[in-house]
Structures are given as C-alpha cells and as structure tokens.
Amino acid sequence: LIGAIVAEFFGTPVVGMGFRISTEVARMNLDIVWATITVAALTGSGFY
C-alpha cells in the first residue's frame, strides 16, 4: 500500500490515493488529505 501511494506521486491518471494527497495538499484541503490517509490506514489495518 505504501509503495502504490508513493508511486502515484510521480505520475498517475487523475485518480488514486497518492494523486489525491498530492493535489489536495497543494490546494490546502487538509480535511480531504486526512480522509484519504484514514482510508489508507483502515485498508492497511483490515488487510493485515
């Protein structure tokens, strides 16, 4: 999960957790950034 999110910082279609984090941080929409982080954390915890 970490690898996929980081890889999306360097190029992805206009969708994806990494793309959402990088774009919303630039827009200062920290609520959406934290919501994306929450989805990633819940996904990783559920997977584990």
All heavy atoms as atom14 arrays in JSON, in Angstrom:
{
  "sequence": "LIGAIVAEFFGTPVVGMGFRISTEVARMNLDIVWATITVAALTGSGFY",
  "atom14_mask": [
    [1, 1, 1, 1, 1, 1, 1, 1, 0, 0, 0, 0, 0, 0],
    [1, 1, 1, 1, 1, 1, 1, 1, 0, 0, 0, 0, 0, 0],
    [1, 1, 1, 1, 0, 0, 0, 0, 0, 0, 0, 0, 0, 0],
    [1, 1, 1, 1, 1, 0, 0, 0, 0, 0, 0, 0, 0, 0],
    [1, 1, 1, 1, 1, 1, 1, 1, 0, 0, 0, 0, 0, 0],
    [1, 1, 1, 1, 1, 1, 1, 0, 0, 0, 0, 0, 0, 0],
    [1, 1, 1, 1, 1, 0, 0, 0, 0, 0, 0, 0, 0, 0],
    [1, 1, 1, 1, 1, 1, 1, 1, 1, 0, 0, 0, 0, 0],
    [1, 1, 1, 1, 1, 1, 1, 1, 1, 1, 1, 0, 0, 0],
    [1, 1, 1, 1, 1, 1, 1, 1, 1, 1, 1, 0, 0, 0],
    [1, 1, 1, 1, 0, 0, 0, 0, 0, 0, 0, 0, 0, 0],
    [1, 1, 1, 1, 1, 1, 1, 0, 0, 0, 0, 0, 0, 0],
    [1, 1, 1, 1, 1, 1, 1, 0, 0, 0, 0, 0, 0, 0],
    [1, 1, 1, 1, 1, 1, 1, 0, 0, 0, 0, 0, 0, 0],
    [1, 1, 1, 1, 1, 1, 1, 0, 0, 0, 0, 0, 0, 0],
    [1, 1, 1, 1, 0, 0, 0, 0, 0, 0, 0, 0, 0, 0],
    [1, 1, 1, 1, 1, 1, 1, 1, 0, 0, 0, 0, 0, 0],
    [1, 1, 1, 1, 0, 0, 0, 0, 0, 0, 0, 0, 0, 0],
    [1, 1, 1, 1, 1, 1, 1, 1, 1, 1, 1, 0, 0, 0],
    [1, 1, 1, 1, 1, 1, 1, 1, 1, 1, 1, 0, 0, 0],
    [1, 1, 1, 1, 1, 1, 1, 1, 0, 0, 0, 0, 0, 0],
    [1, 1, 1, 1, 1, 1, 0, 0, 0, 0, 0, 0, 0, 0],
    [1, 1, 1, 1, 1, 1, 1, 0, 0, 0, 0, 0, 0, 0],
    [1, 1, 1, 1, 1, 1, 1, 1, 1, 0, 0, 0, 0, 0],
    [1, 1, 1, 1, 1, 1, 1, 0, 0, 0, 0, 0, 0, 0],
    [1, 1, 1, 1, 1, 0, 0, 0, 0, 0, 0, 0, 0, 0],
    [1, 1, 1, 1, 1, 1, 1, 1, 1, 1, 1, 0, 0, 0],
    [1, 1, 1, 1, 1, 1, 1, 1, 0, 0, 0, 0, 0, 0],
    [1, 1, 1, 1, 1, 1, 1, 1, 0, 0, 0, 0, 0, 0],
    [1, 1, 1, 1, 1, 1, 1, 1, 0, 0, 0, 0, 0, 0],
    [1, 1, 1, 1, 1, 1, 1, 1, 0, 0, 0, 0, 0, 0],
    [1, 1, 1, 1, 1, 1, 1, 1, 0, 0, 0, 0, 0, 0],
    [1, 1, 1, 1, 1, 1, 1, 0, 0, 0, 0, 0, 0, 0],
    [1, 1, 1, 1, 1, 1, 1, 1, 1, 1, 1, 1, 1, 1],
    [1, 1, 1, 1, 1, 0, 0, 0, 0, 0, 0, 0, 0, 0],
    [1, 1, 1, 1, 1, 1, 1, 0, 0, 0, 0, 0, 0, 0],
    [1, 1, 1, 1, 1, 1, 1, 1, 0, 0, 0, 0, 0, 0],
    [1, 1, 1, 1, 1, 1, 1, 0, 0, 0, 0, 0, 0, 0],
    [1, 1, 1, 1, 1, 1, 1, 0, 0, 0, 0, 0, 0, 0],
    [1, 1, 1, 1, 1, 0, 0, 0, 0, 0, 0, 0, 0, 0],
    [1, 1, 1, 1, 1, 0, 0, 0, 0, 0, 0, 0, 0, 0],
    [1, 1, 1, 1, 1, 1, 1, 1, 0, 0, 0, 0, 0, 0],
    [1, 1, 1, 1, 1, 1, 1, 0, 0, 0, 0, 0, 0, 0],
    [1, 1, 1, 1, 0, 0, 0, 0, 0, 0, 0, 0, 0, 0],
    [1, 1, 1, 1, 1, 1, 0, 0, 0, 0, 0, 0, 0, 0],
    [1, 1, 1, 1, 0, 0, 0, 0, 0, 0, 0, 0, 0, 0],
    [1, 1, 1, 1, 1, 1, 1, 1, 1, 1, 1, 0, 0, 0],
    [1, 1, 1, 1, 1, 1, 1, 1, 1, 1, 1, 1, 0, 0]
  ],
  "atom14_positions": [
    [[0.83, -1.2, 0.0], [0.0, 0.0, 0.0], [0.87, 1.26, 0.0], [0.59, 2.23, -0.72], [-0.92, -0.02, 1.22], [-2.0, 1.06, 1.28], [-2.91, 0.97, 0.08], [-2.81, 0.93, 2.57], [0.0, 0.0, 0.0], [0.0, 0.0, 0.0], [0.0, 0.0, 0.0], [0.0, 0.0, 0.0], [0.0, 0.0, 0.0], [0.0, 0.0, 0.0]],
    [[1.93, 1.25, 0.79], [2.84, 2.4, 0.81], [3.47, 2.61, -0.56], [3.56, 3.74, -1.06], [3.92, 2.18, 1.89], [3.29, 2.2, 3.28], [5.0, 3.27, 1.8], [4.24, 1.8, 4.38], [0.0, 0.0, 0.0], [0.0, 0.0, 0.0], [0.0, 0.0, 0.0], [0.0, 0.0, 0.0], [0.0, 0.0, 0.0], [0.0, 0.0, 0.0]],
    [[3.92, 1.53, -1.17], [4.57, 1.65, -2.48], [3.64, 2.2, -3.54], [4.04, 3.05, -4.35], [0.0, 0.0, 0.0], [0.0, 0.0, 0.0], [0.0, 0.0, 0.0], [0.0, 0.0, 0.0], [0.0, 0.0, 0.0], [0.0, 0.0, 0.0], [0.0, 0.0, 0.0], [0.0, 0.0, 0.0], [0.0, 0.0, 0.0], [0.0, 0.0, 0.0]],
    [[2.39, 1.75, -3.54], [1.44, 2.24, -4.55], [1.14, 3.72, -4.36], [1.1, 4.49, -5.33], [0.15, 1.42, -4.48], [0.0, 0.0, 0.0], [0.0, 0.0, 0.0], [0.0, 0.0, 0.0], [0.0, 0.0, 0.0], [0.0, 0.0, 0.0], [0.0, 0.0, 0.0], [0.0, 0.0, 0.0], [0.0, 0.0, 0.0], [0.0, 0.0, 0.0]],
    [[0.94, 4.14, -3.12], [0.61, 5.55, -2.86], [1.78, 6.45, -3.22], [1.61, 7.5, -3.87], [0.2, 5.73, -1.39], [-1.12, 5.03, -1.13], [0.1, 7.21, -1.03], [-1.57, 5.06, 0.32], [0.0, 0.0, 0.0], [0.0, 0.0, 0.0], [0.0, 0.0, 0.0], [0.0, 0.0, 0.0], [0.0, 0.0, 0.0], [0.0, 0.0, 0.0]],
    [[3.0, 6.05, -2.84], [4.17, 6.87, -3.17], [4.4, 6.91, -4.67], [4.74, 7.96, -5.24], [5.42, 6.34, -2.43], [6.68, 7.08, -2.88], [5.24, 6.49, -0.93], [0.0, 0.0, 0.0], [0.0, 0.0, 0.0], [0.0, 0.0, 0.0], [0.0, 0.0, 0.0], [0.0, 0.0, 0.0], [0.0, 0.0, 0.0], [0.0, 0.0, 0.0]],
    [[4.2, 5.78, -5.35], [4.41, 5.75, -6.79], [3.44, 6.67, -7.52], [3.78, 7.24, -8.57], [4.25, 4.31, -7.3], [0.0, 0.0, 0.0], [0.0, 0.0, 0.0], [0.0, 0.0, 0.0], [0.0, 0.0, 0.0], [0.0, 0.0, 0.0], [0.0, 0.0, 0.0], [0.0, 0.0, 0.0], [0.0, 0.0, 0.0], [0.0, 0.0, 0.0]],
    [[2.24, 6.85, -6.97], [1.27, 7.74, -7.61], [1.67, 9.21, -7.5], [1.1, 10.04, -8.2], [-0.11, 7.52, -7.0], [-0.73, 6.18, -7.41], [-2.08, 5.94, -6.76], [-2.41, 6.67, -5.8], [-2.78, 5.01, -7.2], [0.0, 0.0, 0.0], [0.0, 0.0, 0.0], [0.0, 0.0, 0.0], [0.0, 0.0, 0.0], [0.0, 0.0, 0.0]],
    [[2.59, 9.53, -6.63], [3.08, 10.91, -6.58], [3.84, 11.31, -7.84], [3.94, 12.49, -8.16], [4.01, 11.09, -5.38], [3.31, 11.16, -4.05], [1.99, 10.83, -3.91], [3.99, 11.58, -2.93], [1.34, 10.9, -2.69], [3.37, 11.65, -1.7], [2.04, 11.31, -1.58], [0.0, 0.0, 0.0], [0.0, 0.0, 0.0], [0.0, 0.0, 0.0]],
    [[4.37, 10.31, -8.56], [5.25, 10.59, -9.69], [4.57, 10.4, -11.04], [5.22, 10.47, -12.07], [6.5, 9.69, -9.62], [7.33, 9.93, -8.4], [7.13, 9.17, -7.26], [8.29, 10.91, -8.38], [7.9, 9.38, -6.13], [9.06, 11.14, -7.25], [8.85, 10.38, -6.12], [0.0, 0.0, 0.0], [0.0, 0.0, 0.0], [0.0, 0.0, 0.0]],
    [[3.3, 10.14, -11.03], [2.6, 10.01, -12.3], [1.5, 8.98, -12.22], [1.75, 7.83, -11.86], [0.0, 0.0, 0.0], [0.0, 0.0, 0.0], [0.0, 0.0, 0.0], [0.0, 0.0, 0.0], [0.0, 0.0, 0.0], [0.0, 0.0, 0.0], [0.0, 0.0, 0.0], [0.0, 0.0, 0.0], [0.0, 0.0, 0.0], [0.0, 0.0, 0.0]],
    [[0.28, 9.4, -12.51], [-0.87, 8.51, -12.43], [-2.01, 9.15, -13.19], [-2.01, 10.37, -13.43], [-1.27, 8.28, -10.97], [-2.37, 7.35, -10.91], [-1.69, 9.58, -10.29], [0.0, 0.0, 0.0], [0.0, 0.0, 0.0], [0.0, 0.0, 0.0], [0.0, 0.0, 0.0], [0.0, 0.0, 0.0], [0.0, 0.0, 0.0], [0.0, 0.0, 0.0]],
    [[-3.02, 8.38, -13.6], [-4.25, 9.01, -14.07], [-4.84, 9.89, -12.96], [-4.44, 9.8, -11.81], [-5.16, 7.81, -14.38], [-4.22, 6.68, -14.62], [-3.04, 6.91, -13.72], [0.0, 0.0, 0.0], [0.0, 0.0, 0.0], [0.0, 0.0, 0.0], [0.0, 0.0, 0.0], [0.0, 0.0, 0.0], [0.0, 0.0, 0.0], [0.0, 0.0, 0.0]],
    [[-5.78, 10.73, -13.31], [-6.31, 11.72, -12.35], [-7.22, 11.04, -11.34], [-8.35, 11.46, -11.09], [-7.06, 12.84, -13.09], [-6.08, 13.72, -13.83], [-8.1, 12.25, -14.05], [0.0, 0.0, 0.0], [0.0, 0.0, 0.0], [0.0, 0.0, 0.0], [0.0, 0.0, 0.0], [0.0, 0.0, 0.0], [0.0, 0.0, 0.0], [0.0, 0.0, 0.0]],
    [[-6.72, 10.0, -10.71], [-7.43, 9.28, -9.67], [-6.4, 8.45, -8.91], [-5.37, 8.07, -9.46], [-8.53, 8.38, -10.29], [-7.93, 7.27, -11.12], [-9.46, 7.82, -9.22], [0.0, 0.0, 0.0], [0.0, 0.0, 0.0], [0.0, 0.0, 0.0], [0.0, 0.0, 0.0], [0.0, 0.0, 0.0], [0.0, 0.0, 0.0], [0.0, 0.0, 0.0]],
    [[-6.68, 8.17, -7.65], [-5.75, 7.41, -6.83], [-5.45, 8.13, -5.52], [-5.53, 9.36, -5.43], [0.0, 0.0, 0.0], [0.0, 0.0, 0.0], [0.0, 0.0, 0.0], [0.0, 0.0, 0.0], [0.0, 0.0, 0.0], [0.0, 0.0, 0.0], [0.0, 0.0, 0.0], [0.0, 0.0, 0.0], [0.0, 0.0, 0.0], [0.0, 0.0, 0.0]],
    [[-5.11, 7.37, -4.5], [-4.86, 7.95, -3.18], [-3.64, 8.88, -3.2], [-3.68, 9.97, -2.62], [-4.66, 6.83, -2.16], [-5.89, 6.01, -1.86], [-5.58, 4.78, -0.59], [-7.19, 3.99, -0.49], [0.0, 0.0, 0.0], [0.0, 0.0, 0.0], [0.0, 0.0, 0.0], [0.0, 0.0, 0.0], [0.0, 0.0, 0.0], [0.0, 0.0, 0.0]],
    [[-2.56, 8.44, -3.82], [-1.38, 9.28, -3.88], [-1.64, 10.56, -4.67], [-1.18, 11.64, -4.29], [0.0, 0.0, 0.0], [0.0, 0.0, 0.0], [0.0, 0.0, 0.0], [0.0, 0.0, 0.0], [0.0, 0.0, 0.0], [0.0, 0.0, 0.0], [0.0, 0.0, 0.0], [0.0, 0.0, 0.0], [0.0, 0.0, 0.0], [0.0, 0.0, 0.0]],
    [[-2.34, 10.43, -5.78], [-2.7, 11.62, -6.56], [-3.57, 12.56, -5.74], [-3.38, 13.79, -5.77], [-3.45, 11.18, -7.82], [-4.07, 12.31, -8.58], [-3.31, 13.1, -9.43], [-5.43, 12.59, -8.45], [-3.89, 14.15, -10.14], [-6.02, 13.63, -9.14], [-5.24, 14.41, -9.99], [0.0, 0.0, 0.0], [0.0, 0.0, 0.0], [0.0, 0.0, 0.0]],
    [[-4.53, 12.01, -4.97], [-5.43, 12.85, -4.17], [-4.65, 13.59, -3.09], [-4.88, 14.78, -2.84], [-6.53, 11.99, -3.54], [-7.68, 12.77, -2.96], [-8.46, 13.48, -4.02], [-8.84, 12.55, -5.08], [-9.16, 12.91, -6.31], [-9.13, 14.21, -6.64], [-9.49, 12.02, -7.22], [0.0, 0.0, 0.0], [0.0, 0.0, 0.0], [0.0, 0.0, 0.0]],
    [[-3.74, 12.91, -2.43], [-2.97, 13.55, -1.36], [-2.12, 14.68, -1.92], [-2.09, 15.79, -1.37], [-2.1, 12.5, -0.64], [-2.99, 11.53, 0.15], [-1.11, 13.17, 0.3], [-2.24, 10.38, 0.77], [0.0, 0.0, 0.0], [0.0, 0.0, 0.0], [0.0, 0.0, 0.0], [0.0, 0.0, 0.0], [0.0, 0.0, 0.0], [0.0, 0.0, 0.0]],
    [[-1.42, 14.41, -3.02], [-0.51, 15.43, -3.56], [-1.27, 16.65, -4.08], [-0.84, 17.79, -3.87], [0.33, 14.82, -4.69], [-0.5, 14.36, -5.75], [0.0, 0.0, 0.0], [0.0, 0.0, 0.0], [0.0, 0.0, 0.0], [0.0, 0.0, 0.0], [0.0, 0.0, 0.0], [0.0, 0.0, 0.0], [0.0, 0.0, 0.0], [0.0, 0.0, 0.0]],
    [[-2.41, 16.44, -4.73], [-3.15, 17.58, -5.27], [-3.87, 18.38, -4.19], [-3.9, 19.61, -4.23], [-4.16, 17.1, -6.33], [-5.02, 16.1, -5.74], [-3.46, 16.52, -7.53], [0.0, 0.0, 0.0], [0.0, 0.0, 0.0], [0.0, 0.0, 0.0], [0.0, 0.0, 0.0], [0.0, 0.0, 0.0], [0.0, 0.0, 0.0], [0.0, 0.0, 0.0]],
    [[-4.46, 17.68, -3.21], [-5.22, 18.39, -2.18], [-4.3, 19.1, -1.19], [-4.68, 20.13, -0.62], [-6.14, 17.42, -1.43], [-7.2, 16.77, -2.31], [-8.1, 17.79, -2.99], [-8.27, 18.89, -2.46], [-8.63, 17.47, -4.08], [0.0, 0.0, 0.0], [0.0, 0.0, 0.0], [0.0, 0.0, 0.0], [0.0, 0.0, 0.0], [0.0, 0.0, 0.0]],
    [[-3.08, 18.61, -1.0], [-2.12, 19.34, -0.17], [-1.77, 20.66, -0.84], [-1.65, 21.71, -0.19], [-0.86, 18.49, 0.07], [0.3, 19.36, 0.55], [-1.13, 17.41, 1.1], [0.0, 0.0, 0.0], [0.0, 0.0, 0.0], [0.0, 0.0, 0.0], [0.0, 0.0, 0.0], [0.0, 0.0, 0.0], [0.0, 0.0, 0.0], [0.0, 0.0, 0.0]],
    [[-1.6, 20.63, -2.16], [-1.3, 21.87, -2.88], [-2.45, 22.87, -2.79], [-2.23, 24.08, -2.8], [-0.99, 21.56, -4.34], [0.0, 0.0, 0.0], [0.0, 0.0, 0.0], [0.0, 0.0, 0.0], [0.0, 0.0, 0.0], [0.0, 0.0, 0.0], [0.0, 0.0, 0.0], [0.0, 0.0, 0.0], [0.0, 0.0, 0.0], [0.0, 0.0, 0.0]],
    [[-3.68, 22.37, -2.67], [-4.84, 23.25, -2.54], [-5.16, 23.6, -1.08], [-6.15, 24.28, -0.82], [-6.06, 22.58, -3.16], [-5.92, 22.31, -4.65], [-7.11, 21.49, -5.14], [-6.98, 21.16, -6.57], [-7.8, 20.35, -7.22], [-8.81, 19.79, -6.56], [-7.63, 20.09, -8.5], [0.0, 0.0, 0.0], [0.0, 0.0, 0.0], [0.0, 0.0, 0.0]],
    [[-4.39, 23.07, -0.14], [-4.58, 23.29, 1.3], [-5.91, 22.71, 1.78], [-6.47, 23.17, 2.79], [-4.51, 24.78, 1.64], [-3.21, 25.44, 1.22], [-1.76, 24.68, 2.01], [-1.97, 25.2, 3.7], [0.0, 0.0, 0.0], [0.0, 0.0, 0.0], [0.0, 0.0, 0.0], [0.0, 0.0, 0.0], [0.0, 0.0, 0.0], [0.0, 0.0, 0.0]],
    [[-6.41, 21.68, 1.11], [-7.62, 20.98, 1.57], [-7.19, 19.82, 2.47], [-7.22, 18.64, 2.09], [-8.43, 20.46, 0.38], [-9.03, 21.58, -0.43], [-9.34, 22.65, 0.11], [-9.22, 21.35, -1.72], [0.0, 0.0, 0.0], [0.0, 0.0, 0.0], [0.0, 0.0, 0.0], [0.0, 0.0, 0.0], [0.0, 0.0, 0.0], [0.0, 0.0, 0.0]],
    [[-6.78, 20.15, 3.69], [-6.22, 19.15, 4.58], [-7.26, 18.16, 5.08], [-6.91, 17.03, 5.45], [-5.52, 19.82, 5.77], [-4.05, 20.23, 5.58], [-3.2, 19.03, 5.25], [-3.91, 21.28, 4.51], [0.0, 0.0, 0.0], [0.0, 0.0, 0.0], [0.0, 0.0, 0.0], [0.0, 0.0, 0.0], [0.0, 0.0, 0.0], [0.0, 0.0, 0.0]],
    [[-8.53, 18.54, 5.1], [-9.56, 17.59, 5.51], [-9.62, 16.39, 4.56], [-9.72, 15.24, 5.0], [-10.92, 18.28, 5.56], [-11.01, 19.3, 6.68], [-10.09, 19.32, 7.52], [-11.98, 20.07, 6.71], [0.0, 0.0, 0.0], [0.0, 0.0, 0.0], [0.0, 0.0, 0.0], [0.0, 0.0, 0.0], [0.0, 0.0, 0.0], [0.0, 0.0, 0.0]],
    [[-9.56, 16.66, 3.26], [-9.59, 15.57, 2.28], [-8.31, 14.75, 2.36], [-8.34, 13.52, 2.21], [-9.79, 16.14, 0.86], [-11.11, 16.92, 0.78], [-9.77, 15.03, -0.18], [-11.38, 17.54, -0.57], [0.0, 0.0, 0.0], [0.0, 0.0, 0.0], [0.0, 0.0, 0.0], [0.0, 0.0, 0.0], [0.0, 0.0, 0.0], [0.0, 0.0, 0.0]],
    [[-7.19, 15.41, 2.62], [-5.93, 14.68, 2.77], [-6.02, 13.7, 3.93], [-5.66, 12.52, 3.82], [-4.77, 15.66, 2.96], [-3.48, 14.91, 3.29], [-4.57, 16.51, 1.72], [0.0, 0.0, 0.0], [0.0, 0.0, 0.0], [0.0, 0.0, 0.0], [0.0, 0.0, 0.0], [0.0, 0.0, 0.0], [0.0, 0.0, 0.0], [0.0, 0.0, 0.0]],
    [[-6.53, 14.19, 5.07], [-6.65, 13.31, 6.23], [-7.69, 12.23, 6.0], [-7.55, 11.1, 6.5], [-6.99, 14.13, 7.47], [-5.8, 14.76, 8.11], [-5.32, 16.03, 7.92], [-4.9, 14.14, 9.03], [-4.19, 16.24, 8.66], [-3.91, 15.1, 9.36], [-4.84, 12.89, 9.61], [-2.87, 14.82, 10.25], [-3.81, 12.61, 10.49], [-2.84, 13.57, 10.79]],
    [[-8.74, 12.52, 5.24], [-9.72, 11.5, 4.92], [-9.1, 10.4, 4.05], [-9.37, 9.21, 4.26], [-10.91, 12.13, 4.19], [0.0, 0.0, 0.0], [0.0, 0.0, 0.0], [0.0, 0.0, 0.0], [0.0, 0.0, 0.0], [0.0, 0.0, 0.0], [0.0, 0.0, 0.0], [0.0, 0.0, 0.0], [0.0, 0.0, 0.0], [0.0, 0.0, 0.0]],
    [[-8.26, 10.8, 3.11], [-7.56, 9.8, 2.29], [-6.61, 8.97, 3.12], [-6.51, 7.75, 2.95], [-6.8, 10.5, 1.15], [-7.7, 11.34, 0.41], [-6.18, 9.49, 0.22], [0.0, 0.0, 0.0], [0.0, 0.0, 0.0], [0.0, 0.0, 0.0], [0.0, 0.0, 0.0], [0.0, 0.0, 0.0], [0.0, 0.0, 0.0], [0.0, 0.0, 0.0]],
    [[-5.89, 9.62, 4.03], [-4.99, 8.89, 4.93], [-5.79, 7.91, 5.79], [-5.34, 6.78, 6.04], [-4.21, 9.89, 5.81], [-3.25, 10.71, 4.95], [-3.44, 9.16, 6.91], [-2.55, 11.82, 5.7], [0.0, 0.0, 0.0], [0.0, 0.0, 0.0], [0.0, 0.0, 0.0], [0.0, 0.0, 0.0], [0.0, 0.0, 0.0], [0.0, 0.0, 0.0]],
    [[-6.97, 8.32, 6.23], [-7.81, 7.42, 7.03], [-8.22, 6.19, 6.23], [-8.19, 5.06, 6.74], [-9.06, 8.17, 7.52], [-8.66, 9.3, 8.3], [-9.95, 7.27, 8.35], [0.0, 0.0, 0.0], [0.0, 0.0, 0.0], [0.0, 0.0, 0.0], [0.0, 0.0, 0.0], [0.0, 0.0, 0.0], [0.0, 0.0, 0.0], [0.0, 0.0, 0.0]],
    [[-8.62, 6.4, 4.97], [-8.98, 5.26, 4.12], [-7.79, 4.33, 3.95], [-7.92, 3.09, 4.04], [-9.49, 5.76, 2.76], [-9.7, 4.58, 1.81], [-10.79, 6.54, 2.93], [0.0, 0.0, 0.0], [0.0, 0.0, 0.0], [0.0, 0.0, 0.0], [0.0, 0.0, 0.0], [0.0, 0.0, 0.0], [0.0, 0.0, 0.0], [0.0, 0.0, 0.0]],
    [[-6.61, 4.89, 3.73], [-5.41, 4.06, 3.56], [-5.09, 3.3, 4.84], [-4.73, 2.1, 4.8], [-4.23, 4.94, 3.15], [0.0, 0.0, 0.0], [0.0, 0.0, 0.0], [0.0, 0.0, 0.0], [0.0, 0.0, 0.0], [0.0, 0.0, 0.0], [0.0, 0.0, 0.0], [0.0, 0.0, 0.0], [0.0, 0.0, 0.0], [0.0, 0.0, 0.0]],
    [[-5.21, 3.97, 6.0], [-4.92, 3.32, 7.27], [-5.9, 2.19, 7.55], [-5.5, 1.1, 7.99], [-4.94, 4.35, 8.4], [0.0, 0.0, 0.0], [0.0, 0.0, 0.0], [0.0, 0.0, 0.0], [0.0, 0.0, 0.0], [0.0, 0.0, 0.0], [0.0, 0.0, 0.0], [0.0, 0.0, 0.0], [0.0, 0.0, 0.0], [0.0, 0.0, 0.0]],
    [[-7.18, 2.43, 7.31], [-8.18, 1.39, 7.53], [-7.99, 0.23, 6.57], [-8.16, -0.94, 6.95], [-9.58, 1.98, 7.37], [-10.02, 2.99, 8.44], [-11.39, 3.56, 8.1], [-10.03, 2.35, 9.82], [0.0, 0.0, 0.0], [0.0, 0.0, 0.0], [0.0, 0.0, 0.0], [0.0, 0.0, 0.0], [0.0, 0.0, 0.0], [0.0, 0.0, 0.0]],
    [[-7.62, 0.54, 5.33], [-7.38, -0.53, 4.36], [-6.19, -1.38, 4.77], [-6.26, -2.62, 4.76], [-7.13, 0.08, 2.97], [-8.26, 0.86, 2.58], [-6.89, -1.02, 1.94], [0.0, 0.0, 0.0], [0.0, 0.0, 0.0], [0.0, 0.0, 0.0], [0.0, 0.0, 0.0], [0.0, 0.0, 0.0], [0.0, 0.0, 0.0], [0.0, 0.0, 0.0]],
    [[-5.08, -0.74, 5.15], [-3.91, -1.49, 5.58], [-4.18, -2.3, 6.82], [-3.75, -3.46, 6.93], [0.0, 0.0, 0.0], [0.0, 0.0, 0.0], [0.0, 0.0, 0.0], [0.0, 0.0, 0.0], [0.0, 0.0, 0.0], [0.0, 0.0, 0.0], [0.0, 0.0, 0.0], [0.0, 0.0, 0.0], [0.0, 0.0, 0.0], [0.0, 0.0, 0.0]],
    [[-4.89, -1.73, 7.79], [-5.2, -2.46, 9.02], [-6.12, -3.64, 8.74], [-5.94, -4.72, 9.3], [-5.85, -1.51, 10.03], [-4.98, -0.45, 10.37], [0.0, 0.0, 0.0], [0.0, 0.0, 0.0], [0.0, 0.0, 0.0], [0.0, 0.0, 0.0], [0.0, 0.0, 0.0], [0.0, 0.0, 0.0], [0.0, 0.0, 0.0], [0.0, 0.0, 0.0]],
    [[-7.13, -3.42, 7.87], [-8.01, -4.52, 7.53], [-7.3, -5.64, 6.78], [-7.54, -6.83, 7.04], [0.0, 0.0, 0.0], [0.0, 0.0, 0.0], [0.0, 0.0, 0.0], [0.0, 0.0, 0.0], [0.0, 0.0, 0.0], [0.0, 0.0, 0.0], [0.0, 0.0, 0.0], [0.0, 0.0, 0.0], [0.0, 0.0, 0.0], [0.0, 0.0, 0.0]],
    [[-6.41, -5.26, 5.87], [-5.63, -6.24, 5.13], [-4.76, -7.06, 6.07], [-4.72, -8.3, 6.04], [-4.76, -5.51, 4.1], [-4.26, -6.38, 2.98], [-3.5, -5.82, 1.95], [-4.53, -7.73, 2.93], [-3.02, -6.6, 0.91], [-4.06, -8.53, 1.9], [-3.31, -7.96, 0.89], [0.0, 0.0, 0.0], [0.0, 0.0, 0.0], [0.0, 0.0, 0.0]],
    [[-4.06, -6.37, 6.96], [-3.19, -7.05, 7.93], [-4.01, -7.92, 8.88], [-3.63, -9.06, 9.17], [-2.4, -6.01, 8.72], [-1.35, -6.58, 9.64], [-0.02, -6.69, 9.23], [-1.67, -7.01, 10.92], [0.95, -7.2, 10.06], [-0.71, -7.54, 11.77], [0.59, -7.62, 11.34], [1.54, -8.15, 12.17], [0.0, 0.0, 0.0], [0.0, 0.0, 0.0]]
  ]
}
